[in-house]
Amino acid sequence: MDKNTLAHTTWECKYHIVFAPKYRRQIIYGKIKADVANILSILCKRKGVEIIEAECCPDHIHMLVRIPPSISVSSFMGYLKGKSSLMIFDRHANLKYKYGNRKFWCRGYYECYILGKPTSSVRV
């Protein structure tokens, strides 16, 4: 049985998603980079989202993900950015002072549906 199936649906929904820390601060490096990658991986597994490829740059994150059609991209991104902020601040308490009100990520994000393109053309 194909893993990309639901009761009466076969799907292939790939999205290129880019999001950044608040004020586009260059904070994602070293230990924080490893923790952010680990946290995003854990949260994606919880929602049944497959990370095909990901890259953590110092001031933003690129992710190529396969999201099931039962989850909207906006609700998934709200979950991902909200929960990851809490988990990052739990692991790195000193960041709370730089990012008041427990907001690690900026409000928006970029999303692009990958339709029939080979994933090699989406590389960062």
Protein backbone atom coordinates (compact mmCIF):
# COMPACT_ATOMS: atom_id res chain seq x y z
CA MET A 1 0.00 0.00 0.00
CA ASP A 2 1.29 3.45 -0.93
CA LYS A 3 2.07 5.62 2.08
CA ASN A 4 0.53 8.69 0.39
CA THR A 5 -3.04 7.44 0.57
CA LEU A 6 -6.06 8.16 2.69
CA ALA A 7 -9.41 6.30 2.63
CA HIS A 8 -10.34 7.32 -0.93
CA THR A 9 -7.43 9.53 -1.89
CA THR A 10 -3.95 9.18 -3.30
CA TRP A 11 -1.93 12.35 -2.93
CA GLU A 12 1.40 14.00 -3.65
CA CYS A 13 1.37 17.46 -2.05
CA LYS A 14 4.86 18.96 -1.86
CA TYR A 15 5.48 22.49 -0.63
CA HIS A 16 8.55 24.68 -0.52
CA ILE A 17 8.27 26.71 2.68
CA VAL A 18 10.55 29.53 3.86
CA PHE A 19 10.28 31.33 7.21
CA ALA A 20 12.57 33.53 9.28
CA PRO A 21 13.25 34.58 12.88
CA LYS A 22 11.73 37.81 14.15
CA TYR A 23 13.46 40.87 12.65
CA ARG A 24 15.39 38.43 10.42
CA ARG A 25 18.08 38.16 13.08
CA GLN A 26 21.01 35.93 12.18
CA ILE A 27 20.57 33.62 15.15
CA ILE A 28 20.35 30.12 13.60
CA TYR A 29 23.88 28.75 13.94
CA GLY A 30 25.84 26.40 16.19
CA LYS A 31 23.86 24.72 18.98
CA ILE A 32 20.70 26.66 18.16
CA LYS A 33 20.85 25.44 14.55
CA ALA A 34 21.05 21.81 15.69
CA ASP A 35 18.21 22.30 18.18
CA VAL A 36 15.98 24.06 15.61
CA ALA A 37 16.54 21.23 13.11
CA ASN A 38 15.73 18.62 15.76
CA ILE A 39 12.62 20.47 16.96
CA LEU A 40 11.24 20.96 13.43
CA SER A 41 11.82 17.27 12.69
CA ILE A 42 9.97 16.19 15.85
CA LEU A 43 7.01 18.50 15.17
CA CYS A 44 6.69 17.39 11.55
CA LYS A 45 6.63 13.72 12.59
CA ARG A 46 3.86 14.47 15.10
CA LYS A 47 1.66 15.88 12.32
CA GLY A 48 2.52 13.20 9.75
CA VAL A 49 4.45 15.65 7.56
CA GLU A 50 7.50 14.32 5.74
CA ILE A 51 10.55 16.56 5.41
CA ILE A 52 12.01 15.80 1.99
CA GLU A 53 14.80 18.33 2.33
CA ALA A 54 15.59 21.19 4.70
CA GLU A 55 18.26 23.85 5.11
CA CYS A 56 18.86 26.08 8.13
CA CYS A 57 20.48 29.35 7.04
CA PRO A 58 21.60 31.90 9.68
CA ASP A 59 18.55 34.12 9.09
CA HIS A 60 15.89 31.81 7.61
CA ILE A 61 14.77 28.20 7.11
CA HIS A 62 14.01 26.43 3.82
CA MET A 63 11.91 23.27 3.95
CA LEU A 64 10.63 21.01 1.18
CA VAL A 65 7.82 19.05 2.82
CA ARG A 66 5.08 16.60 1.89
CA ILE A 67 1.90 17.66 3.73
CA PRO A 68 -1.20 15.41 3.71
CA PRO A 69 -4.33 17.03 2.21
CA SER A 70 -6.12 16.61 5.55
CA ILE A 71 -3.93 19.42 6.96
CA SER A 72 -4.00 22.95 5.56
CA VAL A 73 -0.62 24.59 5.04
CA SER A 74 -1.60 27.63 7.12
CA SER A 75 -2.71 25.53 10.11
CA PHE A 76 0.44 23.42 9.85
CA MET A 77 2.65 26.53 9.77
CA GLY A 78 0.81 28.02 12.75
CA TYR A 79 1.42 24.80 14.68
CA LEU A 80 5.05 24.50 13.55
CA LYS A 81 6.04 28.09 14.33
CA GLY A 82 4.06 28.27 17.58
CA LYS A 83 5.24 25.00 19.12
CA SER A 84 8.81 25.41 17.90
CA SER A 85 8.99 28.87 19.52
CA LEU A 86 7.97 27.42 22.87
CA MET A 87 10.42 24.52 22.56
CA ILE A 88 13.31 26.79 21.49
CA PHE A 89 12.69 29.13 24.43
CA ASP A 90 12.53 26.15 26.80
CA ARG A 91 15.94 24.93 25.60
CA HIS A 92 17.53 28.39 25.30
CA ALA A 93 16.05 30.57 28.06
CA ASN A 94 18.46 33.44 27.31
CA LEU A 95 16.69 34.06 23.98
CA LYS A 96 13.52 35.20 25.79
CA TYR A 97 15.21 38.51 26.55
CA LYS A 98 16.06 39.15 22.88
CA TYR A 99 12.60 38.12 21.68
CA GLY A 100 9.98 39.64 23.94
CA ASN A 101 6.53 38.08 24.29
CA ARG A 102 7.86 34.64 23.33
CA LYS A 103 7.81 35.31 19.58
CA PHE A 104 10.80 33.69 17.92
CA TRP A 105 9.55 33.65 14.31
CA CYS A 106 8.28 36.56 12.22
CA ARG A 107 4.58 36.57 11.33
CA GLY A 108 4.68 35.58 7.68
CA TYR A 109 6.13 32.79 5.60
CA TYR A 110 6.62 31.89 1.93
CA GLU A 111 4.88 28.85 0.50
CA CYS A 112 5.05 27.39 -3.01
CA TYR A 113 3.21 24.28 -4.19
CA ILE A 114 5.57 22.04 -6.18
CA LEU A 115 3.55 20.60 -9.06
CA GLY A 116 5.27 18.12 -11.31
CA LYS A 117 8.68 19.75 -10.89
CA PRO A 118 11.63 17.58 -10.05
CA THR A 119 12.73 18.49 -6.55
CA SER A 120 16.25 19.19 -7.80
CA SER A 121 14.94 22.40 -9.43
CA VAL A 122 13.86 23.69 -6.01
CA ARG A 123 17.30 23.49 -4.39
CA VAL A 124 18.46 26.44 -2.30
